[in-house]
């Protein structure tokens, strides 16, 4: 019989345990599910426990609602020193405060509940500086009529057990009473019946005490089970934090790369300036080609200069010949020669002009050498141009990295 009672109490403990939710840090105790009839009032109970002293100024309570189907989460109620009921939305005029902060009760009541209130309600309690913990959740089901709940089933089971015990006790009493009537003349049998009844009562008392101890033990086991579930949740949260830590290290690497890309961006701007300069150098390159043509012309002018020097020598010889001719020929012949010499003189003046031009060409030659140097620089600039194109590609990549950096920042904020 002891084993039967133990199994029965374990079954009752199984009904009683699921009604409580306990989370780490700030501890919140809530039912898993609440049922309400359409158009009636229902109280969403939220009991919290904090490691720090509780006061009206340090505690904040926030209730949120999430529909069963697709839908965004919305605010239901907020409390901080005073109640702040919703001023718009589906809960306007329905949500009222029914808790007591000093008694660690953050419950609210929903009046005249419709079917649109079906969903999950989240109770978030913070008591500065105790601000960490998992929020409590309760699911509300709005129905046409009340169904049998776990508490009702528990009450029926306990009532049935008590009724069975009372029936057995009544049968036993009636049996003993009849037996007592048969042996009414024997005082010894009456004393024996009283002794047996006392023993039975003592056994029933011992069994009830044992059942109370077993009930306490089952409650303790339920609390241990909840604590183990809490530890599992904390372990999952620590693994999630490790993942977030790795992601933050990756974001730090991306941040360093973005700084490097900023430097590359500055260099690409500089390369853009170099690109403009390279375009100018292309113009100089065209001019250097023109100067190369002038250089060829200057070489031709150098040949003309040599010819002019030869002509100068011929001029000196012609002067000598003119003197001899004056002595040997007649004045008429001398006159003709003088006219010829005049023509030679004009040619010598022309050669002098050519000499000046050759000097100018020498200057142009120096300039052409300078242009050759510029040509080498333009080739270098062409190389820089290729590098600038590469940097332009890097610039596009840096812009893409900047966009990715912004997306990472947005993701981190979320």
Protein backbone atom coordinates (compact mmCIF):
# COMPACT_ATOMS: atom_id res chain seq x y z
CA UNK A 1 0.00 0.00 0.00
CA UNK A 2 2.92 2.35 0.69
CA UNK A 3 4.12 1.87 -2.89
CA UNK A 4 0.63 2.63 -4.25
CA UNK A 5 0.47 5.90 -2.33
CA UNK A 6 3.98 6.83 -3.56
CA UNK A 7 2.94 6.32 -7.20
CA UNK A 8 -0.24 8.33 -6.66
CA UNK A 9 1.66 11.28 -5.14
CA UNK A 10 4.23 11.15 -7.96
CA UNK A 11 1.32 11.41 -10.43
CA UNK A 12 -0.05 14.44 -8.56
CA UNK A 13 3.42 16.03 -8.61
CA UNK A 14 3.51 15.54 -12.39
CA UNK A 15 0.30 17.58 -12.68
CA UNK A 16 1.52 20.31 -10.36
CA UNK A 17 5.06 20.89 -11.73
CA UNK A 18 4.31 22.21 -15.28
CA UNK A 19 2.41 25.21 -13.92
CA UNK A 20 5.55 27.10 -12.90
CA UNK A 21 8.23 28.78 -15.08
CA UNK A 22 11.52 29.77 -13.50
CA UNK A 23 14.35 31.61 -15.26
CA UNK A 24 17.86 32.66 -14.31
CA UNK A 25 19.06 36.04 -13.01
CA UNK A 26 15.77 37.75 -12.33
CA UNK A 27 13.49 34.79 -11.49
CA UNK A 28 9.98 34.92 -12.98
CA UNK A 29 7.22 32.44 -12.09
CA UNK A 30 4.31 32.07 -14.53
CA UNK A 31 1.82 29.49 -15.74
CA UNK A 32 2.50 27.90 -19.09
CA UNK A 33 -1.08 28.32 -20.33
CA UNK A 34 -4.19 30.20 -19.21
CA UNK A 35 -7.72 29.67 -20.52
CA UNK A 36 -10.46 32.30 -20.52
CA UNK A 37 -14.07 32.40 -21.73
CA UNK A 38 -14.86 34.95 -24.45
CA UNK A 39 -16.07 38.25 -22.95
CA UNK A 40 -14.85 37.57 -19.39
CA UNK A 41 -11.90 38.89 -17.37
CA UNK A 42 -8.68 36.93 -16.97
CA UNK A 43 -5.67 37.61 -14.74
CA UNK A 44 -2.19 36.96 -16.16
CA UNK A 45 -0.14 36.19 -13.08
CA UNK A 46 3.58 37.09 -13.04
CA UNK A 47 5.51 36.58 -9.78
CA UNK A 48 9.18 37.61 -9.71
CA UNK A 49 12.08 37.16 -7.33
CA UNK A 50 15.20 39.35 -7.25
CA UNK A 51 18.51 39.09 -5.39
CA UNK A 52 18.40 42.84 -4.67
CA UNK A 53 15.97 44.89 -2.54
CA UNK A 54 12.70 45.67 -4.29
CA UNK A 55 11.29 49.22 -4.35
CA UNK A 56 8.77 51.12 -6.47
CA UNK A 57 11.49 53.24 -8.07
CA UNK A 58 13.85 50.38 -8.99
CA UNK A 59 11.41 47.94 -10.64
CA UNK A 60 10.16 48.20 -14.24
CA UNK A 61 7.58 45.83 -15.73
CA UNK A 62 6.90 45.44 -19.45
CA UNK A 63 4.19 43.19 -20.94
CA UNK A 64 4.29 42.34 -24.67
CA UNK A 65 1.99 40.30 -26.93
CA UNK A 66 2.84 37.99 -29.86
CA UNK A 67 -0.07 36.58 -31.95
CA UNK A 68 -0.33 32.87 -32.66
CA UNK A 69 -0.04 33.35 -36.43
CA UNK A 70 2.10 35.76 -38.42
CA UNK A 71 2.27 39.17 -36.79
CA UNK A 72 4.55 41.68 -35.14
CA UNK A 73 5.03 41.86 -31.38
CA UNK A 74 3.19 44.74 -29.70
CA UNK A 75 3.23 46.37 -26.27
CA UNK A 76 0.44 45.51 -23.82
CA UNK A 77 1.33 47.29 -20.57
CA UNK A 78 4.19 49.17 -18.89
CA UNK A 79 4.77 49.91 -15.21
CA UNK A 80 7.41 52.10 -13.52
CA UNK A 81 6.36 53.62 -10.18
CA UNK A 82 2.91 53.98 -11.76
CA UNK A 83 0.85 52.12 -14.33
CA UNK A 84 0.98 53.11 -18.02
CA UNK A 85 -1.93 51.33 -19.77
CA UNK A 86 -2.02 51.34 -23.59
CA UNK A 87 -3.57 54.39 -25.26
CA UNK A 88 -4.10 52.73 -28.64
CA UNK A 89 -4.22 49.32 -30.26
CA UNK A 90 -6.21 46.18 -29.49
CA UNK A 91 -5.51 46.33 -25.72
CA UNK A 92 -6.77 49.89 -25.18
CA UNK A 93 -9.38 49.79 -22.40
CA UNK A 94 -8.75 46.09 -21.74
CA UNK A 95 -5.38 45.89 -19.91
CA UNK A 96 -5.36 46.98 -16.22
CA UNK A 97 -2.75 46.68 -13.46
CA UNK A 98 -3.51 44.02 -10.82
CA UNK A 99 -0.08 43.48 -9.26
CA UNK A 100 1.84 44.70 -6.20
CA UNK A 101 5.54 45.51 -6.66
CA UNK A 102 6.35 45.38 -2.94
CA UNK A 103 4.91 41.84 -2.82
CA UNK A 104 6.90 40.96 -5.98
CA UNK A 105 3.74 40.63 -8.06
CA UNK A 106 3.77 42.03 -11.64
CA UNK A 107 0.40 40.65 -12.76
CA UNK A 108 -2.09 42.34 -15.09
CA UNK A 109 -5.74 41.66 -15.92
CA UNK A 110 -7.44 41.64 -19.32
CA UNK A 111 -11.10 42.67 -19.26
CA UNK A 112 -13.77 41.56 -21.74
CA UNK A 113 -11.31 39.36 -23.67
CA UNK A 114 -12.14 38.66 -27.37
CA UNK A 115 -10.77 35.85 -29.55
CA UNK A 116 -8.15 38.24 -31.00
CA UNK A 117 -6.32 38.07 -27.64
CA UNK A 118 -5.20 34.50 -28.40
CA UNK A 119 -1.39 34.41 -28.33
CA UNK A 120 1.73 34.49 -26.17
CA UNK A 121 2.21 37.15 -23.50
CA UNK A 122 5.71 38.03 -22.28
CA UNK A 123 6.39 39.43 -18.80
CA UNK A 124 9.72 41.29 -18.53
CA UNK A 125 10.74 42.43 -15.03
CA UNK A 126 13.91 44.40 -14.22
CA UNK A 127 15.07 45.45 -10.75
CA UNK A 128 18.14 47.70 -10.92
CA UNK A 129 20.89 46.57 -10.85
CA UNK A 130 19.41 43.09 -11.47
CA UNK A 131 18.67 43.53 -15.19
CA UNK A 132 19.61 40.11 -16.58
CA UNK A 133 17.35 37.14 -16.97
CA UNK A 134 14.96 35.39 -19.34
CA UNK A 135 11.45 36.78 -19.71
CA UNK A 136 8.46 34.78 -18.55
CA UNK A 137 5.87 33.66 -21.11
CA UNK A 138 2.24 32.52 -20.84
CA UNK A 139 -0.10 31.41 -23.63
CA UNK A 140 -3.70 32.68 -23.46
CA UNK A 141 -6.48 30.64 -25.06
CA UNK A 142 -9.86 32.36 -25.44
CA UNK A 143 -12.65 29.74 -25.76
CA UNK A 144 -16.44 29.61 -25.88
CA UNK A 145 -16.63 27.61 -22.63
CA UNK A 146 -14.22 26.51 -19.94
CA UNK A 147 -12.51 23.16 -20.49
CA UNK A 148 -11.14 20.91 -17.79
CA UNK A 149 -7.79 22.34 -16.68
CA UNK A 150 -4.89 20.64 -14.96
CA UNK A 151 -5.90 22.19 -11.62
CA UNK A 152 -9.44 20.88 -12.10
CA UNK A 153 -8.11 17.43 -12.92
CA UNK A 154 -5.91 17.60 -9.83
CA UNK A 155 -8.86 18.63 -7.65
CA UNK A 156 -11.00 15.82 -9.07
CA UNK A 157 -8.23 13.28 -8.47
CA UNK A 158 -7.70 14.44 -4.88
CA UNK A 159 -11.45 14.48 -4.24
CA UNK A 160 -11.83 10.99 -5.66
CA UNK A 161 -8.96 9.72 -3.51
CA UNK A 162 -10.49 11.28 -0.38
CA UNK A 163 -13.90 9.81 -1.26
CA UNK A 164 -12.40 6.35 -1.70
CA UNK A 165 -10.64 6.64 1.66
CA UNK A 166 -13.88 7.79 3.33
CA UNK A 167 -15.85 4.91 1.76
CA UNK A 168 -13.27 2.38 2.90
CA UNK A 169 -13.28 3.93 6.37
CA UNK A 170 -17.09 3.87 6.52
CA UNK A 171 -17.18 0.23 5.44
CA UNK A 172 -14.58 -0.58 8.05
CA UNK A 173 -16.51 1.30 10.75
CA UNK A 174 -19.78 -0.41 9.80
CA UNK A 175 -18.08 -3.78 9.82
CA UNK A 176 -16.57 -3.10 13.21
CA UNK A 177 -19.86 -1.74 14.49
CA UNK A 178 -21.69 -4.89 13.47
CA UNK A 179 -18.98 -7.02 14.93
CA UNK A 180 -19.21 -4.98 18.12
CA UNK A 181 -22.99 -5.53 18.26
CA UNK A 182 -22.47 -9.28 18.00
CA UNK A 183 -20.08 -9.23 20.92
CA UNK A 184 -21.73 -6.47 22.90
CA UNK A 185 -21.74 -8.61 26.01
CA UNK A 186 -18.03 -9.11 25.95
CA UNK A 187 -16.04 -6.14 27.27
CA UNK A 188 -12.83 -7.75 26.20
CA UNK A 189 -13.91 -7.79 22.55
CA UNK A 190 -14.95 -4.13 22.83
CA UNK A 191 -11.56 -3.19 24.18
CA UNK A 192 -9.92 -5.21 21.40
CA UNK A 193 -12.00 -3.32 18.80
CA UNK A 194 -10.97 0.02 20.32
CA UNK A 195 -7.36 -1.09 20.35
CA UNK A 196 -7.55 -2.11 16.68
CA UNK A 197 -9.23 1.18 15.79
CA UNK A 198 -6.46 3.08 17.56
CA UNK A 199 -3.84 1.06 15.74
CA UNK A 200 -5.63 1.72 12.45
CA UNK A 201 -5.80 5.44 13.19
CA UNK A 202 -2.12 5.43 14.13
CA UNK A 203 -1.30 3.69 10.85
CA UNK A 204 -3.44 6.15 8.90
CA UNK A 205 -1.72 9.04 10.68
CA UNK A 206 1.73 7.62 9.95
CA UNK A 207 0.77 7.01 6.33
CA UNK A 208 -0.54 10.58 5.96
CA UNK A 209 2.69 11.97 7.45
CA UNK A 210 4.68 9.78 5.06
CA UNK A 211 2.56 11.00 2.14
CA UNK A 212 3.19 14.61 3.20
CA UNK A 213 6.93 13.90 3.27
CA UNK A 214 6.73 12.31 -0.19
CA UNK A 215 4.76 15.32 -1.48
CA UNK A 216 7.44 17.70 -0.19
CA UNK A 217 10.11 15.52 -1.77
CA UNK A 218 8.28 15.54 -5.12
CA UNK A 219 8.05 19.34 -4.97
CA UNK A 220 11.77 19.48 -4.24
CA UNK A 221 12.47 17.15 -7.18
CA UNK A 222 10.32 19.35 -9.40
CA UNK A 223 12.35 22.41 -8.36
CA UNK A 224 15.60 20.49 -9.03
CA UNK A 225 14.26 19.50 -12.45
CA UNK A 226 13.43 23.13 -13.25
CA UNK A 227 16.88 24.21 -12.09
CA UNK A 228 18.51 21.61 -14.36
CA UNK A 229 16.44 22.92 -17.28
CA UNK A 230 17.57 26.43 -16.34
CA UNK A 231 21.20 25.31 -16.35
CA UNK A 232 20.70 23.80 -19.80
CA UNK A 233 19.29 27.13 -21.00
CA UNK A 234 22.24 28.98 -19.46
CA UNK A 235 24.62 26.57 -21.23
CA UNK A 236 22.90 27.26 -24.56
CA UNK A 237 23.12 30.98 -23.87
CA UNK A 238 26.87 30.69 -23.13
CA UNK A 239 27.37 28.85 -26.43
CA UNK A 240 25.44 31.63 -28.18
CA UNK A 241 27.66 34.22 -26.45
CA UNK A 242 30.75 32.35 -27.68
CA UNK A 243 29.38 32.52 -31.22
CA UNK A 244 28.69 36.25 -30.78
CA UNK A 245 32.27 36.70 -29.49
CA UNK A 246 33.68 35.01 -32.60
CA UNK A 247 31.45 37.20 -34.74
CA UNK A 248 32.69 40.34 -32.92
CA UNK A 249 36.31 39.28 -33.61
CA UNK A 250 35.40 38.86 -37.28
CA UNK A 251 33.83 42.33 -37.22
CA UNK A 252 37.06 43.72 -35.73
CA UNK A 253 38.99 42.18 -38.64
CA UNK A 254 36.52 43.68 -41.10
CA UNK A 255 36.93 47.04 -39.35
CA UNK A 256 40.72 46.88 -39.75
CA UNK A 257 40.26 45.98 -43.40
CA UNK A 258 37.88 48.94 -43.83
CA UNK A 259 40.52 51.26 -42.35
CA UNK A 260 43.01 49.83 -44.87
CA UNK A 261 40.46 50.42 -47.59
CA UNK A 262 40.13 54.05 -46.45
CA UNK A 263 43.90 54.40 -46.92
CA UNK A 264 43.61 52.80 -50.36
CA UNK A 265 40.78 55.25 -51.11
CA UNK A 266 43.05 58.19 -50.31
CA UNK A 267 45.78 56.66 -52.49
CA UNK A 268 43.26 56.17 -55.30
CA UNK A 269 42.34 59.86 -55.08
CA UNK A 270 46.04 60.66 -55.38
CA UNK A 271 46.26 58.30 -58.33
CA UNK A 272 43.33 60.11 -59.92
CA UNK A 273 45.41 63.30 -59.70
CA UNK A 274 48.33 61.39 -61.24
CA UNK A 275 45.95 60.23 -63.95
CA UNK A 276 45.15 63.84 -64.80
CA UNK A 277 48.88 64.55 -64.87
CA UNK A 278 49.43 61.55 -67.13
CA UNK A 279 46.88 62.98 -69.56
CA UNK A 280 48.90 66.20 -69.53
CA UNK A 281 52.01 64.13 -70.14
CA UNK A 282 50.33 62.58 -73.17
CA UNK A 283 50.05 66.09 -74.55
CA UNK A 284 53.72 66.65 -73.74
CA UNK A 285 54.49 63.35 -75.49
CA UNK A 286 52.84 64.64 -78.65
CA UNK A 287 54.87 67.81 -78.32
CA UNK A 288 58.05 65.74 -77.86
CA UNK A 289 57.31 63.91 -81.11
CA UNK A 290 56.98 67.30 -82.79
CA UNK A 291 60.29 68.30 -81.22
CA UNK A 292 61.85 65.12 -82.61
CA UNK A 293 60.82 66.34 -86.04
CA UNK A 294 62.36 69.72 -85.22
CA UNK A 295 65.50 67.84 -84.12
CA UNK A 296 65.75 66.26 -87.56
CA UNK A 297 65.31 69.68 -89.07
CA UNK A 298 68.06 71.04 -86.79
CA UNK A 299 70.41 68.35 -88.08
CA UNK A 300 69.61 69.50 -91.60
CA UNK A 301 70.30 73.06 -90.51
CA UNK A 302 73.67 71.94 -89.13
CA UNK A 303 74.51 70.68 -92.62
CA UNK A 304 73.44 74.05 -93.98
CA UNK A 305 75.69 75.71 -91.39
CA UNK A 306 78.66 73.72 -92.65
CA UNK A 307 77.77 74.79 -96.15
CA UNK A 308 77.57 78.42 -95.00
CA UNK A 309 81.06 78.18 -93.52
CA UNK A 310 82.29 76.81 -96.84
CA UNK A 311 80.57 79.69 -98.55
CA UNK A 312 82.34 82.08 -96.20
CA UNK A 313 85.68 80.62 -97.28
CA UNK A 314 84.60 80.95 -100.88
CA UNK A 315 83.68 84.54 -100.13
CA UNK A 316 87.18 85.25 -98.83
CA UNK A 317 88.66 83.60 -101.90
CA UNK A 318 86.32 85.57 -104.11
CA UNK A 319 87.50 88.78 -102.50
CA UNK A 320 91.09 87.79 -103.24
CA UNK A 321 90.14 86.88 -106.77
CA UNK A 322 88.35 90.19 -107.09
CA UNK A 323 91.58 92.00 -106.29
CA UNK A 324 93.50 89.93 -108.81
CA UNK A 325 90.68 90.40 -111.28
CA UNK A 326 90.81 94.16 -110.78
CA UNK A 327 94.46 94.03 -111.66
CA UNK A 328 94.11 91.64 -114.61
CA UNK A 329 90.77 92.50 -116.20
CA UNK A 330 89.14 95.59 -117.34
CA UNK A 331 86.89 97.71 -115.21
CA UNK A 332 83.85 96.36 -117.06
CA UNK A 333 84.74 92.84 -116.18
CA UNK A 334 85.40 93.99 -112.61
CA UNK A 335 81.97 95.60 -112.60
CA UNK A 336 80.29 92.37 -113.62
CA UNK A 337 82.27 90.51 -110.98
CA UNK A 338 81.28 93.05 -108.39
CA UNK A 339 77.65 92.51 -109.25
CA UNK A 340 78.26 88.82 -108.85
CA UNK A 341 79.95 89.50 -105.54
CA UNK A 342 76.95 91.55 -104.48
CA UNK A 343 74.81 88.55 -105.12
CA UNK A 344 77.25 86.44 -103.10
CA UNK A 345 77.03 89.03 -100.32
CA UNK A 346 73.28 88.70 -100.25
CA UNK A 347 73.73 84.95 -100.07
CA UNK A 348 76.17 85.38 -97.17
CA UNK A 349 73.62 87.51 -95.33
CA UNK A 350 71.13 84.76 -95.93
CA UNK A 351 73.68 82.29 -94.57
CA UNK A 352 74.07 84.51 -91.47
CA UNK A 353 70.33 84.29 -90.98
CA UNK A 354 70.61 80.54 -91.38
CA UNK A 355 73.37 80.61 -88.74
CA UNK A 356 71.07 82.37 -86.31
CA UNK A 357 68.42 79.82 -87.11
CA UNK A 358 70.91 77.02 -86.47
CA UNK A 359 71.64 78.50 -83.03
CA UNK A 360 67.93 78.55 -82.39
CA UNK A 361 67.82 74.95 -83.56
CA UNK A 362 70.59 74.15 -81.07
CA UNK A 363 68.33 75.56 -78.34
CA UNK A 364 65.50 73.44 -79.73
CA UNK A 365 67.89 70.47 -79.62
CA UNK A 366 68.43 71.06 -75.91
CA UNK A 367 64.69 71.33 -75.47
CA UNK A 368 64.24 68.09 -77.44
CA UNK A 369 66.65 66.37 -75.05
CA UNK A 370 64.53 67.71 -72.19
CA UNK A 371 61.47 66.40 -74.01
CA UNK A 372 63.18 63.02 -74.28
CA UNK A 373 63.48 63.09 -70.49
CA UNK A 374 59.80 64.07 -70.32
CA UNK A 375 59.10 61.16 -72.68
CA UNK A 376 60.72 58.78 -70.21
CA UNK A 377 58.66 60.37 -67.43
CA UNK A 378 55.52 59.96 -69.55
CA UNK A 379 56.33 56.26 -69.92
CA UNK A 380 56.66 56.12 -66.13
CA UNK A 381 53.35 57.94 -65.87
CA UNK A 382 51.85 55.37 -68.22
CA UNK A 383 52.94 52.74 -65.69
CA UNK A 384 51.41 54.87 -62.93
CA UNK A 385 48.26 55.08 -65.07
CA UNK A 386 48.04 51.30 -65.11
CA UNK A 387 48.52 51.31 -61.36
CA UNK A 388 45.82 53.98 -61.00
CA UNK A 389 43.44 51.78 -62.97
CA UNK A 390 44.27 48.97 -60.58
CA UNK A 391 43.68 51.35 -57.68
CA UNK A 392 40.34 52.30 -59.24
CA UNK A 393 39.45 48.61 -59.08
CA UNK A 394 40.62 48.57 -55.44
CA UNK A 395 38.46 51.67 -54.88
CA UNK A 396 35.40 49.83 -56.12
CA UNK A 397 36.30 46.94 -53.83
CA UNK A 398 36.75 49.36 -50.91
CA UNK A 399 33.31 50.83 -51.59
CA UNK A 400 31.91 47.31 -51.55
CA UNK A 401 33.76 46.63 -48.28
CA UNK A 402 32.39 49.89 -46.85
CA UNK A 403 28.89 48.75 -47.79
CA UNK A 404 29.57 45.36 -46.17
CA UNK A 405 30.90 47.17 -43.10
CA UNK A 406 27.68 49.15 -42.86
CA UNK A 407 25.65 45.94 -43.18
CA UNK A 408 27.76 44.32 -40.43
CA UNK A 409 27.15 47.34 -38.22
CA UNK A 410 23.40 47.10 -38.86
CA UNK A 411 23.51 43.39 -38.13
CA UNK A 412 25.46 43.99 -34.92
CA UNK A 413 22.92 46.60 -33.80
CA UNK A 414 20.12 44.14 -34.45
